[in-house]
PDB file of N, CA and C in Angstrom:
ATOM      1  N   ALA A   1      -2.701   7.550   7.944  1.00  0.00           N
ATOM      2  CA  ALA A   1      -3.488   6.378   7.413  1.00  0.00           C
ATOM      3  C   ALA A   1      -4.858   6.841   6.861  1.00  0.00           C
ATOM      4  N   GLY A   2      -5.548   7.656   7.576  1.00  0.00           N
ATOM      5  CA  GLY A   2      -6.860   8.142   7.212  1.00  0.00           C
ATOM      6  C   GLY A   2      -6.743   8.943   5.841  1.00  0.00           C
ATOM      7  N   LEU A   3      -5.736   9.783   5.667  1.00  0.00           N
ATOM      8  CA  LEU A   3      -5.572  10.573   4.482  1.00  0.00           C
ATOM      9  C   LEU A   3      -5.253   9.717   3.272  1.00  0.00           C
ATOM     10  N   SER A   4      -4.376   8.662   3.599  1.00  0.00           N
ATOM     11  CA  SER A   4      -4.100   7.691   2.555  1.00  0.00           C
ATOM     12  C   SER A   4      -5.325   6.963   1.979  1.00  0.00           C
ATOM     13  N   ALA A   5      -6.081   6.534   2.965  1.00  0.00           N
ATOM     14  CA  ALA A   5      -7.287   5.713   2.676  1.00  0.00           C
ATOM     15  C   ALA A   5      -8.197   6.598   1.818  1.00  0.00           C
ATOM     16  N   HIS A   6      -8.307   7.906   2.177  1.00  0.00           N
ATOM     17  CA  HIS A   6      -9.181   8.787   1.523  1.00  0.00           C
ATOM     18  C   HIS A   6      -8.747   9.085   0.053  1.00  0.00           C
ATOM     19  N   VAL A   7      -7.418   9.092  -0.157  1.00  0.00           N
ATOM     20  CA  VAL A   7      -6.872   9.315  -1.436  1.00  0.00           C
ATOM     21  C   VAL A   7      -7.137   8.042  -2.315  1.00  0.00           C
ATOM     22  N   LEU A   8      -7.094   6.839  -1.725  1.00  0.00           N
ATOM     23  CA  LEU A   8      -7.198   5.617  -2.461  1.00  0.00           C
ATOM     24  C   LEU A   8      -8.689   5.421  -2.682  1.00  0.00           C
ATOM     25  N   ALA A   9      -9.572   6.134  -1.905  1.00  0.00           N
ATOM     26  CA  ALA A   9     -10.965   5.970  -2.124  1.00  0.00           C
ATOM     27  C   ALA A   9     -11.476   6.750  -3.424  1.00  0.00           C
ATOM     28  N   VAL A  10     -10.688   7.738  -3.860  1.00  0.00           N
ATOM     29  CA  VAL A  10     -11.091   8.447  -5.102  1.00  0.00           C
ATOM     30  C   VAL A  10     -11.108   7.525  -6.328  1.00  0.00           C
ATOM     31  N   PRO A  11      -9.920   6.862  -6.717  1.00  0.00           N
ATOM     32  CA  PRO A  11      -9.932   6.053  -7.901  1.00  0.00           C
ATOM     33  C   PRO A  11     -10.833   4.832  -7.710  1.00  0.00           C
ATOM     34  N   PHE A  12     -11.070   4.414  -6.420  1.00  0.00           N
ATOM     35  CA  PHE A  12     -11.901   3.267  -6.165  1.00  0.00           C
ATOM     36  C   PHE A  12     -13.344   3.695  -6.487  1.00  0.00           C
ATOM     37  N   LEU A  13     -13.710   4.869  -6.104  1.00  0.00           N
ATOM     38  CA  LEU A  13     -15.115   5.440  -6.362  1.00  0.00           C
ATOM     39  C   LEU A  13     -15.307   5.543  -7.806  1.00  0.00           C
ATOM     40  N   LEU A  14     -14.331   6.026  -8.582  1.00  0.00           N
ATOM     41  CA  LEU A  14     -14.364   6.221  -9.995  1.00  0.00           C
ATOM     42  C   LEU A  14     -14.560   4.859 -10.674  1.00  0.00           C
ATOM     43  N   SER A  15     -13.845   3.876 -10.182  1.00  0.00           N
ATOM     44  CA  SER A  15     -13.903   2.498 -10.717  1.00  0.00           C
ATOM     45  C   SER A  15     -15.315   1.902 -10.513  1.00  0.00           C
ATOM     46  N   PHE A  16     -15.750   2.270  -9.293  1.00  0.00           N
ATOM     47  CA  PHE A  16     -17.131   1.751  -8.944  1.00  0.00           C
ATOM     48  C   PHE A  16     -18.239   2.407  -9.754  1.00  0.00           C
ATOM     49  N   LEU A  17     -18.174   3.651  -9.986  1.00  0.00           N
ATOM     50  CA  LEU A  17     -19.148   4.342 -10.921  1.00  0.00           C
ATOM     51  C   LEU A  17     -19.031   3.836 -12.257  1.00  0.00           C
ATOM     52  N   SER A  18     -17.820   3.504 -12.760  1.00  0.00           N
ATOM     53  CA  SER A  18     -17.622   2.982 -14.069  1.00  0.00           C
ATOM     54  C   SER A  18     -18.158   1.555 -14.116  1.00  0.00           C
ATOM     55  N   ALA A  19     -18.019   0.788 -13.145  1.00  0.00           N
ATOM     56  CA  ALA A  19     -18.444  -0.597 -13.129  1.00  0.00           C
ATOM     57  C   ALA A  19     -19.942  -0.699 -13.013  1.00  0.00           C
ATOM     58  N   LEU A  20     -20.622   0.271 -12.603  1.00  0.00           N
ATOM     59  CA  LEU A  20     -22.036   0.295 -12.509  1.00  0.00           C
ATOM     60  C   LEU A  20     -22.725  -0.053 -13.812  1.00  0.00           C
ATOM     61  N   HIS A  21     -21.978   0.240 -14.900  1.00  0.00           N
ATOM     62  CA  HIS A  21     -22.562  -0.039 -16.235  1.00  0.00           C
ATOM     63  C   HIS A  21     -22.341  -1.418 -16.714  1.00  0.00           C
ATOM     64  N   HIS A  22     -21.600  -2.153 -15.822  1.00  0.00           N
ATOM     65  CA  HIS A  22     -21.371  -3.649 -16.164  1.00  0.00           C
ATOM     66  C   HIS A  22     -21.742  -4.452 -14.946  1.00  0.00           C
ATOM     67  N   THR A  23     -22.816  -5.219 -15.066  1.00  0.00           N
ATOM     68  CA  THR A  23     -23.373  -5.944 -13.966  1.00  0.00           C
ATOM     69  C   THR A  23     -22.376  -6.908 -13.349  1.00  0.00           C
ATOM     70  N   GLN A  24     -21.544  -7.662 -14.102  1.00  0.00           N
ATOM     71  CA  GLN A  24     -20.634  -8.624 -13.553  1.00  0.00           C
ATOM     72  C   GLN A  24     -19.508  -7.842 -12.823  1.00  0.00           C
ATOM     73  N   LEU A  25     -19.076  -6.711 -13.530  1.00  0.00           N
ATOM     74  CA  LEU A  25     -17.993  -5.984 -12.772  1.00  0.00           C
ATOM     75  C   LEU A  25     -18.499  -5.375 -11.481  1.00  0.00           C
ATOM     76  N   CYS A  26     -19.713  -4.997 -11.518  1.00  0.00           N
ATOM     77  CA  CYS A  26     -20.334  -4.376 -10.280  1.00  0.00           C
ATOM     78  C   CYS A  26     -20.394  -5.374  -9.148  1.00  0.00           C
ATOM     79  N   LYS A  27     -20.852  -6.585  -9.455  1.00  0.00           N
ATOM     80  CA  LYS A  27     -20.940  -7.698  -8.505  1.00  0.00           C
ATOM     81  C   LYS A  27     -19.517  -7.970  -7.986  1.00  0.00           C
ATOM     82  N   ARG A  28     -18.563  -8.085  -8.968  1.00  0.00           N
ATOM     83  CA  ARG A  28     -17.187  -8.367  -8.646  1.00  0.00           C
ATOM     84  C   ARG A  28     -16.623  -7.312  -7.574  1.00  0.00           C
ATOM     85  N   LEU A  29     -16.849  -6.072  -7.973  1.00  0.00           N
ATOM     86  CA  LEU A  29     -16.449  -4.915  -7.093  1.00  0.00           C
ATOM     87  C   LEU A  29     -17.108  -5.015  -5.744  1.00  0.00           C
ATOM     88  N   MET A  30     -18.371  -5.276  -5.777  1.00  0.00           N
ATOM     89  CA  MET A  30     -19.095  -5.408  -4.408  1.00  0.00           C
ATOM     90  C   MET A  30     -18.441  -6.478  -3.596  1.00  0.00           C
ATOM     91  N   ALA A  31     -18.214  -7.568  -4.196  1.00  0.00           N
ATOM     92  CA  ALA A  31     -17.527  -8.711  -3.520  1.00  0.00           C
ATOM     93  C   ALA A  31     -16.139  -8.340  -2.933  1.00  0.00           C
ATOM     94  N   THR A  32     -15.414  -7.635  -3.781  1.00  0.00           N
ATOM     95  CA  THR A  32     -14.094  -7.193  -3.293  1.00  0.00           C
ATOM     96  C   THR A  32     -14.189  -6.209  -2.192  1.00  0.00           C
ATOM     97  N   ALA A  33     -15.208  -5.281  -2.271  1.00  0.00           N
ATOM     98  CA  ALA A  33     -15.454  -4.246  -1.292  1.00  0.00           C
ATOM     99  C   ALA A  33     -15.782  -5.016  -0.013  1.00  0.00           C
ATOM    100  N   SER A  34     -16.596  -5.987  -0.099  1.00  0.00           N
ATOM    101  CA  SER A  34     -17.026  -6.743   1.171  1.00  0.00           C
ATOM    102  C   SER A  34     -15.785  -7.373   1.807  1.00  0.00           C
ATOM    103  N   GLN A  35     -14.828  -7.985   0.983  1.00  0.00           N
ATOM    104  CA  GLN A  35     -13.701  -8.562   1.524  1.00  0.00           C
ATOM    105  C   GLN A  35     -12.745  -7.551   2.215  1.00  0.00           C
ATOM    106  N   LEU A  36     -12.620  -6.409   1.521  1.00  0.00           N
ATOM    107  CA  LEU A  36     -11.813  -5.243   1.961  1.00  0.00           C
ATOM    108  C   LEU A  36     -12.394  -4.802   3.348  1.00  0.00           C
ATOM    109  N   ALA A  37     -13.777  -4.627   3.360  1.00  0.00           N
ATOM    110  CA  ALA A  37     -14.323  -4.168   4.587  1.00  0.00           C
ATOM    111  C   ALA A  37     -14.166  -5.176   5.750  1.00  0.00           C
ATOM    112  N   GLY A  38     -14.189  -6.471   5.349  1.00  0.00           N
ATOM    113  CA  GLY A  38     -14.049  -7.518   6.401  1.00  0.00           C
ATOM    114  C   GLY A  38     -12.634  -7.458   6.983  1.00  0.00           C
ATOM    115  N   VAL A  39     -11.625  -7.164   6.099  1.00  0.00           N
ATOM    116  CA  VAL A  39     -10.295  -7.023   6.573  1.00  0.00           C
ATOM    117  C   VAL A  39     -10.070  -5.737   7.432  1.00  0.00           C
ATOM    118  N   ARG A  40     -10.677  -4.751   6.964  1.00  0.00           N
ATOM    119  CA  ARG A  40     -10.599  -3.420   7.743  1.00  0.00           C
ATOM    120  C   ARG A  40     -11.166  -3.621   9.104  1.00  0.00           C
ATOM    121  N   CYS A  41     -12.350  -4.309   9.190  1.00  0.00           N
ATOM    122  CA  CYS A  41     -12.938  -4.377  10.497  1.00  0.00           C
ATOM    123  C   CYS A  41     -12.266  -5.563  11.181  1.00  0.00           C
TER     124      CYS A  41
END
């Protein structure tokens, strides 16, 4: 599970860095990350 999550984190990080150039996408991604973090915890 840990390895899988690490692999999924790579494209997620790339998407995050790409979204930093777009304010709306960045906010959207942060909201999604918060929801995912809430589900994880």
